[in-house]
Amino acid sequence: MTDTQPKPGVCTWCGQTMTADHPCTVTVWDDYPDGITRARIPWGSEHGTEHVDYPCPDCGVRPGGVHHPACDCEECPRCHQQQLGCDCPSTHDEDDDEDTRP
């Protein structure tokens, strides 16, 4: 029997399978140049998503779960824009080879 379902990815930060049952366990951004540690914003707590009752359409976490890296829906806790497209200087860019996450 051939498995036709795509295999879920593994989070490069927390090492868990990226599914609704496994939110990211890295709960803070601690690599901003200003040295301020900021809590990551869970799915359903971002501006405009306060009443969601379904998994994140990009990384699959359930409401209240922390997004996995490079999720299109994650809000930057510093500027409150989309994290992937914000201009906040940090090393939290998933494409950055110098990523400091565990």
N, C-alpha and C. Protein backbone atom coordinates (compact mmCIF):
# COMPACT_ATOMS: atom_id res chain seq x y z
N MET A 1 0.84 -1.18 0.00
CA MET A 1 0.00 0.00 0.00
C MET A 1 0.89 1.25 0.00
N THR A 2 0.58 2.16 -0.87
CA THR A 2 1.36 3.38 -0.99
C THR A 2 0.69 4.49 -0.20
N ASP A 3 1.49 5.20 0.59
CA ASP A 3 0.98 6.32 1.37
C ASP A 3 0.98 7.55 0.47
N THR A 4 -0.21 8.05 0.13
CA THR A 4 -0.31 9.20 -0.76
C THR A 4 -0.42 10.52 0.00
N GLN A 5 -0.56 10.46 1.32
CA GLN A 5 -0.64 11.68 2.11
C GLN A 5 0.77 12.24 2.29
N PRO A 6 0.92 13.57 2.14
CA PRO A 6 2.25 14.15 2.38
C PRO A 6 2.63 14.00 3.85
N LYS A 7 3.89 13.75 4.09
CA LYS A 7 4.39 13.63 5.45
C LYS A 7 4.52 15.03 6.06
N PRO A 8 4.06 15.20 7.31
CA PRO A 8 4.23 16.51 7.94
C PRO A 8 5.71 16.78 8.18
N GLY A 9 6.07 18.05 8.13
CA GLY A 9 7.44 18.44 8.37
C GLY A 9 7.80 18.39 9.85
N VAL A 10 9.07 18.52 10.11
CA VAL A 10 9.55 18.57 11.48
C VAL A 10 10.03 20.00 11.73
N CYS A 11 9.58 20.58 12.83
CA CYS A 11 9.95 21.95 13.19
C CYS A 11 11.45 22.02 13.45
N THR A 12 12.11 22.98 12.82
CA THR A 12 13.55 23.13 12.99
C THR A 12 13.91 23.75 14.34
N TRP A 13 12.93 24.30 15.04
CA TRP A 13 13.21 24.92 16.34
C TRP A 13 12.91 23.98 17.49
N CYS A 14 11.74 23.32 17.47
CA CYS A 14 11.36 22.49 18.62
C CYS A 14 11.53 21.00 18.37
N GLY A 15 11.72 20.61 17.10
CA GLY A 15 11.95 19.22 16.78
C GLY A 15 10.71 18.36 16.71
N GLN A 16 9.53 18.97 16.87
CA GLN A 16 8.29 18.21 16.82
C GLN A 16 7.74 18.16 15.41
N THR A 17 6.88 17.18 15.15
CA THR A 17 6.16 17.11 13.89
C THR A 17 5.19 18.28 13.85
N MET A 18 5.13 18.98 12.72
CA MET A 18 4.27 20.16 12.60
C MET A 18 2.84 19.75 12.27
N THR A 19 2.08 19.47 13.32
CA THR A 19 0.68 19.12 13.19
C THR A 19 -0.11 19.88 14.25
N ALA A 20 -1.44 19.78 14.16
CA ALA A 20 -2.30 20.46 15.12
C ALA A 20 -2.03 20.01 16.55
N ASP A 21 -1.62 18.77 16.72
CA ASP A 21 -1.37 18.25 18.06
C ASP A 21 -0.01 18.64 18.63
N HIS A 22 0.81 19.28 17.82
CA HIS A 22 2.16 19.62 18.27
C HIS A 22 2.50 21.08 17.97
N PRO A 23 2.02 22.02 18.78
CA PRO A 23 2.42 23.42 18.57
C PRO A 23 3.90 23.58 18.86
N CYS A 24 4.49 24.63 18.35
CA CYS A 24 5.90 24.89 18.60
C CYS A 24 6.10 25.16 20.10
N THR A 25 7.17 24.63 20.66
CA THR A 25 7.43 24.82 22.08
C THR A 25 8.36 26.01 22.35
N VAL A 26 8.87 26.65 21.29
CA VAL A 26 9.67 27.86 21.46
C VAL A 26 8.67 29.01 21.56
N THR A 27 8.49 29.53 22.76
CA THR A 27 7.38 30.46 23.02
C THR A 27 7.78 31.93 23.06
N VAL A 28 9.06 32.24 22.87
CA VAL A 28 9.50 33.64 22.90
C VAL A 28 10.43 33.93 21.74
N TRP A 29 10.43 35.21 21.33
CA TRP A 29 11.47 35.74 20.44
C TRP A 29 12.45 36.41 21.39
N ASP A 30 13.69 35.98 21.39
CA ASP A 30 14.66 36.57 22.31
C ASP A 30 15.88 37.10 21.58
N ASP A 31 15.74 37.33 20.29
CA ASP A 31 16.90 37.71 19.49
C ASP A 31 16.77 39.07 18.81
N TYR A 32 15.96 39.96 19.37
CA TYR A 32 15.89 41.32 18.84
C TYR A 32 17.10 42.10 19.33
N PRO A 33 17.62 43.02 18.52
CA PRO A 33 18.80 43.78 18.92
C PRO A 33 18.59 44.62 20.18
N ASP A 34 17.33 44.97 20.50
CA ASP A 34 17.10 45.77 21.70
C ASP A 34 17.18 44.93 22.98
N GLY A 35 17.34 43.60 22.83
CA GLY A 35 17.51 42.74 23.99
C GLY A 35 16.24 42.40 24.74
N ILE A 36 15.10 42.89 24.27
CA ILE A 36 13.83 42.61 24.95
C ILE A 36 13.27 41.28 24.46
N THR A 37 12.98 40.39 25.40
CA THR A 37 12.36 39.11 25.08
C THR A 37 10.86 39.32 24.98
N ARG A 38 10.26 38.83 23.91
CA ARG A 38 8.83 39.01 23.68
C ARG A 38 8.18 37.65 23.48
N ALA A 39 7.02 37.46 24.13
CA ALA A 39 6.26 36.23 23.96
C ALA A 39 5.71 36.16 22.54
N ARG A 40 5.81 34.98 21.93
CA ARG A 40 5.21 34.77 20.61
C ARG A 40 3.70 34.75 20.77
N ILE A 41 3.00 35.20 19.76
CA ILE A 41 1.54 35.33 19.83
C ILE A 41 0.89 34.06 19.30
N PRO A 42 0.14 33.35 20.15
CA PRO A 42 -0.48 32.09 19.72
C PRO A 42 -1.58 32.31 18.69
N TRP A 43 -1.86 31.26 17.89
CA TRP A 43 -2.94 31.29 16.92
C TRP A 43 -4.25 31.54 17.65
N GLY A 44 -4.99 32.51 17.15
CA GLY A 44 -6.26 32.89 17.75
C GLY A 44 -6.13 34.09 18.67
N SER A 45 -4.91 34.54 18.89
CA SER A 45 -4.69 35.73 19.72
C SER A 45 -4.18 36.91 18.90
N GLU A 46 -3.90 36.69 17.61
CA GLU A 46 -3.45 37.78 16.75
C GLU A 46 -4.60 38.75 16.51
N HIS A 47 -4.25 39.95 16.09
CA HIS A 47 -5.28 40.93 15.73
C HIS A 47 -6.13 40.36 14.60
N GLY A 48 -7.41 40.30 14.79
CA GLY A 48 -8.33 39.82 13.77
C GLY A 48 -8.61 38.33 13.82
N THR A 49 -7.98 37.60 14.75
CA THR A 49 -8.24 36.15 14.83
C THR A 49 -8.71 35.75 16.22
N GLU A 50 -9.24 36.68 16.97
CA GLU A 50 -9.57 36.44 18.37
C GLU A 50 -10.62 35.36 18.60
N HIS A 51 -11.42 35.03 17.62
CA HIS A 51 -12.50 34.07 17.83
C HIS A 51 -12.43 32.87 16.89
N VAL A 52 -11.24 32.47 16.48
CA VAL A 52 -11.12 31.31 15.60
C VAL A 52 -11.34 30.02 16.39
N ASP A 53 -11.92 29.04 15.72
CA ASP A 53 -12.13 27.73 16.35
C ASP A 53 -11.65 26.61 15.43
N TYR A 54 -10.66 26.91 14.60
CA TYR A 54 -10.13 25.96 13.63
C TYR A 54 -8.60 26.08 13.63
N PRO A 55 -7.90 25.06 13.15
CA PRO A 55 -6.43 25.12 13.11
C PRO A 55 -5.92 26.22 12.18
N CYS A 56 -4.72 26.68 12.45
CA CYS A 56 -4.07 27.66 11.58
C CYS A 56 -4.00 27.09 10.17
N PRO A 57 -4.42 27.86 9.17
CA PRO A 57 -4.42 27.33 7.80
C PRO A 57 -3.02 27.12 7.21
N ASP A 58 -1.99 27.66 7.84
CA ASP A 58 -0.65 27.49 7.30
C ASP A 58 0.14 26.41 8.03
N CYS A 59 0.29 26.51 9.35
CA CYS A 59 1.13 25.53 10.07
C CYS A 59 0.31 24.49 10.82
N GLY A 60 -1.01 24.67 10.90
CA GLY A 60 -1.87 23.64 11.45
C GLY A 60 -2.08 23.62 12.95
N VAL A 61 -1.47 24.54 13.71
CA VAL A 61 -1.68 24.50 15.15
C VAL A 61 -3.11 24.89 15.50
N ARG A 62 -3.59 24.34 16.58
CA ARG A 62 -4.94 24.66 17.06
C ARG A 62 -4.93 26.00 17.76
N PRO A 63 -6.12 26.63 17.93
CA PRO A 63 -6.18 27.88 18.67
C PRO A 63 -5.48 27.76 20.03
N GLY A 64 -4.66 28.75 20.33
CA GLY A 64 -3.89 28.74 21.57
C GLY A 64 -2.50 28.18 21.41
N GLY A 65 -2.22 27.52 20.28
CA GLY A 65 -0.90 26.95 20.03
C GLY A 65 0.02 27.97 19.39
N VAL A 66 1.31 27.82 19.64
CA VAL A 66 2.30 28.71 19.05
C VAL A 66 2.67 28.20 17.66
N HIS A 67 2.69 29.12 16.70
CA HIS A 67 3.02 28.79 15.31
C HIS A 67 4.43 28.21 15.19
N HIS A 68 4.62 27.42 14.15
CA HIS A 68 5.96 26.93 13.82
C HIS A 68 6.66 27.99 12.96
N PRO A 69 7.99 27.97 12.88
CA PRO A 69 8.73 28.99 12.12
C PRO A 69 8.25 29.09 10.67
N ALA A 70 8.28 30.30 10.18
CA ALA A 70 7.92 30.63 8.80
C ALA A 70 6.44 30.46 8.50
N CYS A 71 5.60 30.44 9.53
CA CYS A 71 4.16 30.38 9.31
C CYS A 71 3.68 31.73 8.78
N ASP A 72 2.87 31.70 7.73
CA ASP A 72 2.34 32.92 7.13
C ASP A 72 1.41 33.68 8.06
N CYS A 73 0.85 33.02 9.06
CA CYS A 73 -0.16 33.64 9.92
C CYS A 73 0.39 34.21 11.21
N GLU A 74 1.66 34.00 11.51
CA GLU A 74 2.21 34.48 12.78
C GLU A 74 2.35 35.99 12.79
N GLU A 75 1.95 36.60 13.89
CA GLU A 75 2.06 38.05 14.09
C GLU A 75 3.35 38.35 14.85
N CYS A 76 4.08 39.35 14.41
CA CYS A 76 5.29 39.77 15.10
C CYS A 76 4.90 40.41 16.43
N PRO A 77 5.48 39.95 17.55
CA PRO A 77 5.12 40.53 18.84
C PRO A 77 5.73 41.91 19.07
N ARG A 78 6.58 42.33 18.16
CA ARG A 78 7.22 43.65 18.31
C ARG A 78 6.43 44.73 17.56
N CYS A 79 6.09 44.48 16.30
CA CYS A 79 5.40 45.52 15.50
C CYS A 79 3.95 45.18 15.20
N HIS A 80 3.54 43.93 15.48
CA HIS A 80 2.18 43.43 15.29
C HIS A 80 1.75 43.36 13.83
N GLN A 81 2.73 43.25 12.93
CA GLN A 81 2.48 42.98 11.52
C GLN A 81 2.73 41.50 11.29
N GLN A 82 2.51 41.04 10.05
CA GLN A 82 2.82 39.65 9.72
C GLN A 82 4.31 39.43 9.97
N GLN A 83 4.66 38.43 10.77
CA GLN A 83 6.05 38.20 11.15
C GLN A 83 6.96 37.99 9.95
N LEU A 84 6.49 37.23 8.95
CA LEU A 84 7.32 36.96 7.78
C LEU A 84 7.67 38.20 6.98
N GLY A 85 6.81 39.20 7.02
CA GLY A 85 7.03 40.37 6.19
C GLY A 85 7.41 41.62 6.94
N CYS A 86 7.57 41.53 8.26
CA CYS A 86 7.87 42.76 9.01
C CYS A 86 9.33 43.15 8.84
N ASP A 87 9.63 44.38 9.22
CA ASP A 87 10.98 44.90 9.09
C ASP A 87 11.75 44.90 10.41
N CYS A 88 11.21 44.21 11.43
CA CYS A 88 11.90 44.19 12.72
C CYS A 88 13.23 43.45 12.57
N PRO A 89 14.30 44.09 12.97
CA PRO A 89 15.60 43.43 12.86
C PRO A 89 15.72 42.33 13.91
N SER A 90 16.05 41.15 13.47
CA SER A 90 16.29 40.02 14.38
C SER A 90 16.92 38.91 13.60
N THR A 91 17.18 37.81 14.27
CA THR A 91 17.74 36.65 13.60
C THR A 91 16.68 35.59 13.45
N HIS A 92 15.37 35.95 13.52
CA HIS A 92 14.32 34.93 13.44
C HIS A 92 13.85 34.65 12.03
N ASP A 93 14.62 34.99 11.03
CA ASP A 93 14.28 34.67 9.66
C ASP A 93 14.59 33.21 9.39
N GLU A 94 13.60 32.42 9.01
CA GLU A 94 13.77 30.99 8.78
C GLU A 94 14.84 30.69 7.73
N ASP A 95 15.08 31.62 6.79
CA ASP A 95 16.08 31.39 5.75
C ASP A 95 17.49 31.77 6.19
N ASP A 96 17.61 32.32 7.39
CA ASP A 96 18.90 32.77 7.89
C ASP A 96 19.73 31.59 8.37
N ASP A 97 20.90 31.40 7.80
CA ASP A 97 21.77 30.30 8.22
C ASP A 97 22.32 30.50 9.62
N GLU A 98 22.24 31.70 10.16
CA GLU A 98 22.76 32.00 11.49
C GLU A 98 21.66 31.96 12.54
N ASP A 99 20.55 31.30 12.28
CA ASP A 99 19.45 31.21 13.22
C ASP A 99 19.94 30.68 14.56
N THR A 100 19.57 31.35 15.64
CA THR A 100 20.07 31.01 16.96
C THR A 100 19.13 30.10 17.74
N ARG A 101 18.09 29.60 17.12
CA ARG A 101 17.14 28.73 17.85
C ARG A 101 17.77 27.39 18.17
N PRO A 102 17.25 26.74 19.24
CA PRO A 102 17.77 25.42 19.62
C PRO A 102 17.52 24.39 18.54
